[in-house]
PDB file of N, CA and C in Angstrom:
ATOM      1  N   MET A   1      -2.623  -5.765  -1.058  1.00  0.00           N
ATOM      2  CA  MET A   1      -3.137  -5.474   0.056  1.00  0.00           C
ATOM      3  C   MET A   1      -2.773  -4.161   0.646  1.00  0.00           C
ATOM      4  N   ILE A   2      -3.175  -3.552   1.899  1.00  0.00           N
ATOM      5  CA  ILE A   2      -2.633  -2.131   1.925  1.00  0.00           C
ATOM      6  C   ILE A   2      -2.820  -2.835   3.714  1.00  0.00           C
ATOM      7  N   TYR A   3      -1.853  -2.339   4.679  1.00  0.00           N
ATOM      8  CA  TYR A   3      -1.479  -2.608   5.716  1.00  0.00           C
ATOM      9  C   TYR A   3      -1.528  -1.489   6.664  1.00  0.00           C
ATOM     10  N   LYS A   4      -1.555  -1.129   8.261  1.00  0.00           N
ATOM     11  CA  LYS A   4      -1.611  -0.079   9.194  1.00  0.00           C
ATOM     12  C   LYS A   4      -0.048  -0.855   9.819  1.00  0.00           C
ATOM     13  N   VAL A   5       0.766  -0.255  10.356  1.00  0.00           N
ATOM     14  CA  VAL A   5       1.611  -0.592  10.910  1.00  0.00           C
ATOM     15  C   VAL A   5       1.731  -0.297  12.367  1.00  0.00           C
ATOM     16  N   ASN A   6       2.005  -0.367  13.276  1.00  0.00           N
ATOM     17  CA  ASN A   6       2.180   0.255  15.049  1.00  0.00           C
ATOM     18  C   ASN A   6       3.621  -0.277  14.828  1.00  0.00           C
ATOM     19  N   ARG A   7       4.572   0.611  15.415  1.00  0.00           N
ATOM     20  CA  ARG A   7       5.783   0.488  15.306  1.00  0.00           C
ATOM     21  C   ARG A   7       5.915   0.509  17.013  1.00  0.00           C
ATOM     22  N   LYS A   8       5.140   0.483  17.904  1.00  0.00           N
ATOM     23  CA  LYS A   8       5.600   0.085  19.122  1.00  0.00           C
ATOM     24  C   LYS A   8       5.474  -1.265  19.508  1.00  0.00           C
ATOM     25  N   LYS A   9       4.077  -2.139  19.096  1.00  0.00           N
ATOM     26  CA  LYS A   9       3.387  -2.751  18.885  1.00  0.00           C
ATOM     27  C   LYS A   9       4.481  -4.107  17.946  1.00  0.00           C
ATOM     28  N   LYS A  10       4.865  -3.683  17.010  1.00  0.00           N
ATOM     29  CA  LYS A  10       5.847  -4.334  15.746  1.00  0.00           C
ATOM     30  C   LYS A  10       4.535  -4.935  15.110  1.00  0.00           C
ATOM     31  N   THR A  11       3.674  -4.698  14.965  1.00  0.00           N
ATOM     32  CA  THR A  11       2.318  -5.240  14.630  1.00  0.00           C
ATOM     33  C   THR A  11       1.981  -4.339  13.176  1.00  0.00           C
ATOM     34  N   ALA A  12       1.182  -5.699  12.510  1.00  0.00           N
ATOM     35  CA  ALA A  12       0.781  -4.886  11.046  1.00  0.00           C
ATOM     36  C   ALA A  12      -0.994  -5.205  11.219  1.00  0.00           C
ATOM     37  N   THR A  13      -1.753  -4.408  10.411  1.00  0.00           N
ATOM     38  CA  THR A  13      -3.124  -4.652  10.164  1.00  0.00           C
ATOM     39  C   THR A  13      -3.359  -4.609   8.983  1.00  0.00           C
ATOM     40  N   VAL A  14      -3.809  -5.291   8.382  1.00  0.00           N
ATOM     41  CA  VAL A  14      -4.561  -5.395   7.396  1.00  0.00           C
ATOM     42  C   VAL A  14      -6.157  -4.150   6.915  1.00  0.00           C
ATOM     43  N   VAL A  15      -6.278  -2.980   6.368  1.00  0.00           N
ATOM     44  CA  VAL A  15      -7.073  -2.029   6.034  1.00  0.00           C
ATOM     45  C   VAL A  15      -7.543  -2.134   5.035  1.00  0.00           C
ATOM     46  N   GLY A  16      -7.081  -3.055   4.014  1.00  0.00           N
ATOM     47  CA  GLY A  16      -7.807  -2.502   2.729  1.00  0.00           C
ATOM     48  C   GLY A  16      -7.268  -3.715   1.513  1.00  0.00           C
ATOM     49  N   VAL A  17      -7.152  -3.216   0.380  1.00  0.00           N
ATOM     50  CA  VAL A  17      -6.841  -4.182  -0.728  1.00  0.00           C
ATOM     51  C   VAL A  17      -6.323  -2.686  -1.960  1.00  0.00           C
ATOM     52  N   THR A  18      -5.526  -2.757  -2.489  1.00  0.00           N
ATOM     53  CA  THR A  18      -5.365  -1.766  -3.791  1.00  0.00           C
ATOM     54  C   THR A  18      -6.543  -2.451  -4.780  1.00  0.00           C
ATOM     55  N   SER A  19      -7.296  -3.433  -5.352  1.00  0.00           N
ATOM     56  CA  SER A  19      -8.047  -3.506  -5.981  1.00  0.00           C
ATOM     57  C   SER A  19      -9.215  -4.150  -5.733  1.00  0.00           C
ATOM     58  N   LYS A  20     -10.622  -3.794  -6.094  1.00  0.00           N
ATOM     59  CA  LYS A  20     -11.529  -4.536  -5.220  1.00  0.00           C
ATOM     60  C   LYS A  20     -11.976  -5.739  -6.368  1.00  0.00           C
ATOM     61  N   ALA A  21     -11.284  -5.722  -7.100  1.00  0.00           N
ATOM     62  CA  ALA A  21     -11.655  -7.166  -8.399  1.00  0.00           C
ATOM     63  C   ALA A  21     -10.753  -8.091  -8.267  1.00  0.00           C
ATOM     64  N   VAL A  22     -10.159  -8.122  -7.063  1.00  0.00           N
ATOM     65  CA  VAL A  22      -9.469  -9.558  -6.359  1.00  0.00           C
ATOM     66  C   VAL A  22     -10.602 -10.610  -6.180  1.00  0.00           C
ATOM     67  N   THR A  23      -9.771 -12.001  -6.305  1.00  0.00           N
ATOM     68  CA  THR A  23     -10.361 -13.034  -5.887  1.00  0.00           C
ATOM     69  C   THR A  23     -10.172 -13.937  -4.977  1.00  0.00           C
ATOM     70  N   LYS A  24      -8.892 -13.764  -5.088  1.00  0.00           N
ATOM     71  CA  LYS A  24      -8.335 -14.465  -3.748  1.00  0.00           C
ATOM     72  C   LYS A  24      -7.014 -13.983  -2.892  1.00  0.00           C
ATOM     73  N   ILE A  25      -6.998 -13.646  -1.962  1.00  0.00           N
ATOM     74  CA  ILE A  25      -6.300 -13.500  -1.012  1.00  0.00           C
ATOM     75  C   ILE A  25      -5.231 -13.922  -0.180  1.00  0.00           C
ATOM     76  N   THR A  26      -4.173 -13.456   0.068  1.00  0.00           N
ATOM     77  CA  THR A  26      -3.491 -14.230   0.726  1.00  0.00           C
ATOM     78  C   THR A  26      -2.304 -13.378   2.134  1.00  0.00           C
ATOM     79  N   ILE A  27      -2.529 -13.591   3.065  1.00  0.00           N
ATOM     80  CA  ILE A  27      -2.236 -12.508   4.066  1.00  0.00           C
ATOM     81  C   ILE A  27      -1.359 -12.860   4.773  1.00  0.00           C
ATOM     82  N   ALA A  28       0.152 -12.292   4.434  1.00  0.00           N
ATOM     83  CA  ALA A  28       1.450 -12.384   4.627  1.00  0.00           C
ATOM     84  C   ALA A  28       1.220 -12.567   6.477  1.00  0.00           C
ATOM     85  N   ALA A  29       2.863 -13.467   6.763  1.00  0.00           N
ATOM     86  CA  ALA A  29       2.627 -13.628   8.018  1.00  0.00           C
ATOM     87  C   ALA A  29       3.446 -12.583   8.827  1.00  0.00           C
ATOM     88  N   LYS A  30       4.119 -11.568   7.862  1.00  0.00           N
ATOM     89  CA  LYS A  30       4.827 -10.244   8.188  1.00  0.00           C
ATOM     90  C   LYS A  30       5.227  -9.648   6.686  1.00  0.00           C
ATOM     91  N   VAL A  31       5.133  -8.668   7.398  1.00  0.00           N
ATOM     92  CA  VAL A  31       5.052  -7.101   5.926  1.00  0.00           C
ATOM     93  C   VAL A  31       6.463  -6.666   6.181  1.00  0.00           C
ATOM     94  N   LYS A  32       7.048  -5.997   5.474  1.00  0.00           N
ATOM     95  CA  LYS A  32       8.327  -5.029   5.608  1.00  0.00           C
ATOM     96  C   LYS A  32       8.002  -3.831   5.160  1.00  0.00           C
ATOM     97  N   THR A  33       8.555  -2.878   5.930  1.00  0.00           N
ATOM     98  CA  THR A  33       8.469  -1.850   5.448  1.00  0.00           C
ATOM     99  C   THR A  33       9.836  -0.704   6.575  1.00  0.00           C
ATOM    100  N   GLY A  34      10.168   0.285   5.859  1.00  0.00           N
ATOM    101  CA  GLY A  34      11.789   0.559   6.476  1.00  0.00           C
ATOM    102  C   GLY A  34      12.696   0.281   6.881  1.00  0.00           C
ATOM    103  N   GLY A  35      12.782  -1.267   6.087  1.00  0.00           N
ATOM    104  CA  GLY A  35      13.653  -2.174   6.755  1.00  0.00           C
ATOM    105  C   GLY A  35      13.681  -2.638   8.235  1.00  0.00           C
ATOM    106  N   LYS A  36      12.104  -2.628   8.422  1.00  0.00           N
ATOM    107  CA  LYS A  36      12.093  -3.165   9.583  1.00  0.00           C
ATOM    108  C   LYS A  36      11.045  -4.236   9.096  1.00  0.00           C
ATOM    109  N   SER A  37      10.593  -5.230  10.411  1.00  0.00           N
ATOM    110  CA  SER A  37       9.400  -6.224  10.049  1.00  0.00           C
ATOM    111  C   SER A  37       8.455  -6.850  10.888  1.00  0.00           C
ATOM    112  N   TYR A  38       7.499  -6.368  10.851  1.00  0.00           N
ATOM    113  CA  TYR A  38       6.048  -6.579  11.417  1.00  0.00           C
ATOM    114  C   TYR A  38       5.195  -7.401  11.225  1.00  0.00           C
ATOM    115  N   LYS A  39       4.798  -8.063  12.328  1.00  0.00           N
ATOM    116  CA  LYS A  39       4.538  -9.419  12.563  1.00  0.00           C
ATOM    117  C   LYS A  39       2.552  -8.588  12.198  1.00  0.00           C
ATOM    118  N   VAL A  40       1.607  -9.307  10.963  1.00  0.00           N
ATOM    119  CA  VAL A  40       0.459  -8.957  10.654  1.00  0.00           C
ATOM    120  C   VAL A  40      -0.583  -9.828  11.735  1.00  0.00           C
ATOM    121  N   ASN A  41      -1.051  -9.242  12.711  1.00  0.00           N
ATOM    122  CA  ASN A  41      -1.853  -9.292  13.918  1.00  0.00           C
ATOM    123  C   ASN A  41      -3.762  -9.519  13.738  1.00  0.00           C
ATOM    124  N   SER A  42      -3.752  -8.607  12.705  1.00  0.00           N
ATOM    125  CA  SER A  42      -5.466  -8.277  12.378  1.00  0.00           C
ATOM    126  C   SER A  42      -5.871  -8.241  11.317  1.00  0.00           C
ATOM    127  N   ILE A  43      -7.393  -7.663  10.933  1.00  0.00           N
ATOM    128  CA  ILE A  43      -8.066  -7.631   9.905  1.00  0.00           C
ATOM    129  C   ILE A  43      -9.193  -6.597  10.366  1.00  0.00           C
ATOM    130  N   LYS A  44      -8.513  -5.504   9.328  1.00  0.00           N
ATOM    131  CA  LYS A  44      -9.595  -4.482  10.131  1.00  0.00           C
ATOM    132  C   LYS A  44     -11.150  -4.606   9.479  1.00  0.00           C
ATOM    133  N   LYS A  45     -12.038  -3.465  10.423  1.00  0.00           N
ATOM    134  CA  LYS A  45     -13.566  -4.341  10.233  1.00  0.00           C
ATOM    135  C   LYS A  45     -13.714  -3.479   8.841  1.00  0.00           C
ATOM    136  N   ASN A  46     -14.248  -4.045   7.878  1.00  0.00           N
ATOM    137  CA  ASN A  46     -14.379  -3.962   6.152  1.00  0.00           C
ATOM    138  C   ASN A  46     -13.212  -3.463   4.968  1.00  0.00           C
ATOM    139  N   ALA A  47     -12.311  -4.293   5.573  1.00  0.00           N
ATOM    140  CA  ALA A  47     -10.851  -4.405   4.773  1.00  0.00           C
ATOM    141  C   ALA A  47     -11.088  -4.724   3.455  1.00  0.00           C
ATOM    142  N   PHE A  48     -12.254  -5.445   3.461  1.00  0.00           N
ATOM    143  CA  PHE A  48     -12.436  -6.150   1.865  1.00  0.00           C
ATOM    144  C   PHE A  48     -13.875  -5.557   1.879  1.00  0.00           C
ATOM    145  N   LYS A  49     -14.059  -4.616   1.939  1.00  0.00           N
ATOM    146  CA  LYS A  49     -15.852  -3.793   1.633  1.00  0.00           C
ATOM    147  C   LYS A  49     -15.476  -3.310  -0.420  1.00  0.00           C
ATOM    148  N   GLY A  50     -16.572  -4.010  -0.738  1.00  0.00           N
ATOM    149  CA  GLY A  50     -16.688  -3.686  -1.840  1.00  0.00           C
ATOM    150  C   GLY A  50     -15.863  -4.649  -2.986  1.00  0.00           C
ATOM    151  N   CYS A  51     -15.166  -5.789  -2.403  1.00  0.00           N
ATOM    152  CA  CYS A  51     -14.444  -6.765  -3.222  1.00  0.00           C
ATOM    153  C   CYS A  51     -15.510  -8.198  -3.630  1.00  0.00           C
ATOM    154  N   TYR A  52     -16.167  -8.062  -4.171  1.00  0.00           N
ATOM    155  CA  TYR A  52     -17.675  -8.669  -4.633  1.00  0.00           C
ATOM    156  C   TYR A  52     -17.227  -9.897  -5.332  1.00  0.00           C
ATOM    157  N   GLN A  53     -15.854 -10.137  -5.725  1.00  0.00           N
ATOM    158  CA  GLN A  53     -15.651 -11.145  -6.466  1.00  0.00           C
ATOM    159  C   GLN A  53     -14.681 -12.037  -5.478  1.00  0.00           C
ATOM    160  N   LEU A  54     -13.981 -11.643  -3.809  1.00  0.00           N
ATOM    161  CA  LEU A  54     -13.582 -12.032  -3.585  1.00  0.00           C
ATOM    162  C   LEU A  54     -14.216 -13.258  -2.902  1.00  0.00           C
ATOM    163  N   LYS A  55     -13.541 -14.425  -3.430  1.00  0.00           N
ATOM    164  CA  LYS A  55     -14.064 -16.061  -2.593  1.00  0.00           C
ATOM    165  C   LYS A  55     -12.957 -16.567  -1.454  1.00  0.00           C
ATOM    166  N   THR A  56     -12.073 -16.269  -1.693  1.00  0.00           N
ATOM    167  CA  THR A  56     -10.721 -17.116  -0.512  1.00  0.00           C
ATOM    168  C   THR A  56      -9.676 -15.999  -0.186  1.00  0.00           C
ATOM    169  N   VAL A  57      -9.828 -16.240   1.454  1.00  0.00           N
ATOM    170  CA  VAL A  57      -8.568 -15.803   2.360  1.00  0.00           C
ATOM    171  C   VAL A  57      -8.101 -16.458   2.820  1.00  0.00           C
ATOM    172  N   LYS A  58      -6.617 -16.465   2.524  1.00  0.00           N
ATOM    173  CA  LYS A  58      -6.198 -17.502   3.574  1.00  0.00           C
ATOM    174  C   LYS A  58      -4.890 -16.613   4.492  1.00  0.00           C
ATOM    175  N   ALA A  59      -4.678 -17.018   5.277  1.00  0.00           N
ATOM    176  CA  ALA A  59      -3.591 -16.243   5.993  1.00  0.00           C
ATOM    177  C   ALA A  59      -2.335 -17.569   6.381  1.00  0.00           C
ATOM    178  N   LYS A  60      -1.211 -16.597   6.150  1.00  0.00           N
ATOM    179  CA  LYS A  60      -0.126 -17.462   6.322  1.00  0.00           C
ATOM    180  C   LYS A  60       0.795 -17.321   7.785  1.00  0.00           C
ATOM    181  N   GLY A  61       1.173 -18.088   8.384  1.00  0.00           N
ATOM    182  CA  GLY A  61       1.790 -18.116   9.323  1.00  0.00           C
ATOM    183  C   GLY A  61       0.669 -18.344  10.782  1.00  0.00           C
ATOM    184  N   LYS A  62       1.097 -17.525  12.111  1.00  0.00           N
ATOM    185  CA  LYS A  62       0.330 -17.948  13.280  1.00  0.00           C
ATOM    186  C   LYS A  62       0.013 -16.921  13.963  1.00  0.00           C
ATOM    187  N   SER A  63       0.487 -15.409  13.495  1.00  0.00           N
ATOM    188  CA  SER A  63       0.472 -14.855  14.597  1.00  0.00           C
ATOM    189  C   SER A  63      -0.947 -13.693  14.082  1.00  0.00           C
ATOM    190  N   LEU A  64      -2.042 -13.926  13.047  1.00  0.00           N
ATOM    191  CA  LEU A  64      -3.150 -13.368  13.144  1.00  0.00           C
ATOM    192  C   LEU A  64      -3.977 -13.806  13.768  1.00  0.00           C
ATOM    193  N   LYS A  65      -4.471 -13.165  14.916  1.00  0.00           N
ATOM    194  CA  LYS A  65      -5.581 -12.376  16.087  1.00  0.00           C
ATOM    195  C   LYS A  65      -6.606 -12.586  16.228  1.00  0.00           C
ATOM    196  N   LYS A  66      -7.084 -11.288  15.631  1.00  0.00           N
ATOM    197  CA  LYS A  66      -8.040 -10.857  15.380  1.00  0.00           C
ATOM    198  C   LYS A  66      -8.767 -10.869  14.361  1.00  0.00           C
ATOM    199  N   VAL A  67     -10.030 -10.867  13.962  1.00  0.00           N
ATOM    200  CA  VAL A  67     -10.628 -10.629  12.359  1.00  0.00           C
ATOM    201  C   VAL A  67     -11.911  -9.585  13.038  1.00  0.00           C
ATOM    202  N   ARG A  68     -11.756  -8.575  12.881  1.00  0.00           N
ATOM    203  CA  ARG A  68     -13.034  -7.490  13.340  1.00  0.00           C
ATOM    204  C   ARG A  68     -14.415  -7.901  12.248  1.00  0.00           C
ATOM    205  N   LYS A  69     -15.123  -7.641  13.117  1.00  0.00           N
ATOM    206  CA  LYS A  69     -16.584  -7.869  12.529  1.00  0.00           C
ATOM    207  C   LYS A  69     -16.839  -7.047  11.298  1.00  0.00           C
ATOM    208  N   LYS A  70     -17.678  -7.820  10.510  1.00  0.00           N
ATOM    209  CA  LYS A  70     -17.851  -7.243   8.915  1.00  0.00           C
ATOM    210  C   LYS A  70     -16.628  -7.134   7.850  1.00  0.00           C
ATOM    211  N   ALA A  71     -15.401  -7.936   8.436  1.00  0.00           N
ATOM    212  CA  ALA A  71     -14.102  -7.878   7.660  1.00  0.00           C
ATOM    213  C   ALA A  71     -14.208  -8.872   6.738  1.00  0.00           C
ATOM    214  N   LEU A  72     -14.805  -9.833   6.832  1.00  0.00           N
ATOM    215  CA  LEU A  72     -14.865 -10.651   5.597  1.00  0.00           C
ATOM    216  C   LEU A  72     -16.408 -10.864   5.246  1.00  0.00           C
ATOM    217  N   LYS A  73     -17.302  -9.952   5.530  1.00  0.00           N
ATOM    218  CA  LYS A  73     -18.820  -9.946   4.683  1.00  0.00           C
ATOM    219  C   LYS A  73     -18.951 -10.418   3.739  1.00  0.00           C
ATOM    220  N   MET A  74     -17.957 -10.114   3.044  1.00  0.00           N
ATOM    221  CA  MET A  74     -18.082 -10.358   1.309  1.00  0.00           C
ATOM    222  C   MET A  74     -17.959 -11.958   0.964  1.00  0.00           C
ATOM    223  N   LEU A  75     -17.686 -12.559   1.915  1.00  0.00           N
ATOM    224  CA  LEU A  75     -17.456 -13.861   1.429  1.00  0.00           C
ATOM    225  C   LEU A  75     -18.621 -14.580   1.746  1.00  0.00           C
ATOM    226  N   ARG A  76     -19.049 -15.746   0.333  1.00  0.00           N
ATOM    227  CA  ARG A  76     -19.849 -16.312   0.913  1.00  0.00           C
ATOM    228  C   ARG A  76     -20.024 -17.371   1.274  1.00  0.00           C
ATOM    229  N   LYS A  77     -20.408 -18.093   2.149  1.00  0.00           N
ATOM    230  CA  LYS A  77     -20.673 -19.567   2.670  1.00  0.00           C
ATOM    231  C   LYS A  77     -21.164 -20.314   1.579  1.00  0.00           C
ATOM    232  N   LYS A  78     -19.948 -22.014   1.329  1.00  0.00           N
ATOM    233  CA  LYS A  78     -20.098 -22.952   0.598  1.00  0.00           C
ATOM    234  C   LYS A  78     -21.397 -23.930   1.399  1.00  0.00           C
TER     235      LYS A  78
END
């Protein structure tokens, strides 16, 4: 998972994945970098673009507030 950190607001945004071949993704409630912790509060538009095998996205915690348009475009409805 690739995150973009906003140090001022102490938040993080999911901006992409390290591998497009993922089938499941679990988004952490917080990420740590540089010894500091940041709440994950959003998923960027097209964050999972090209992840054609992706079937499940789960979010831990309650800090996730925004899921941008087309962020989950690859998921098929059951």
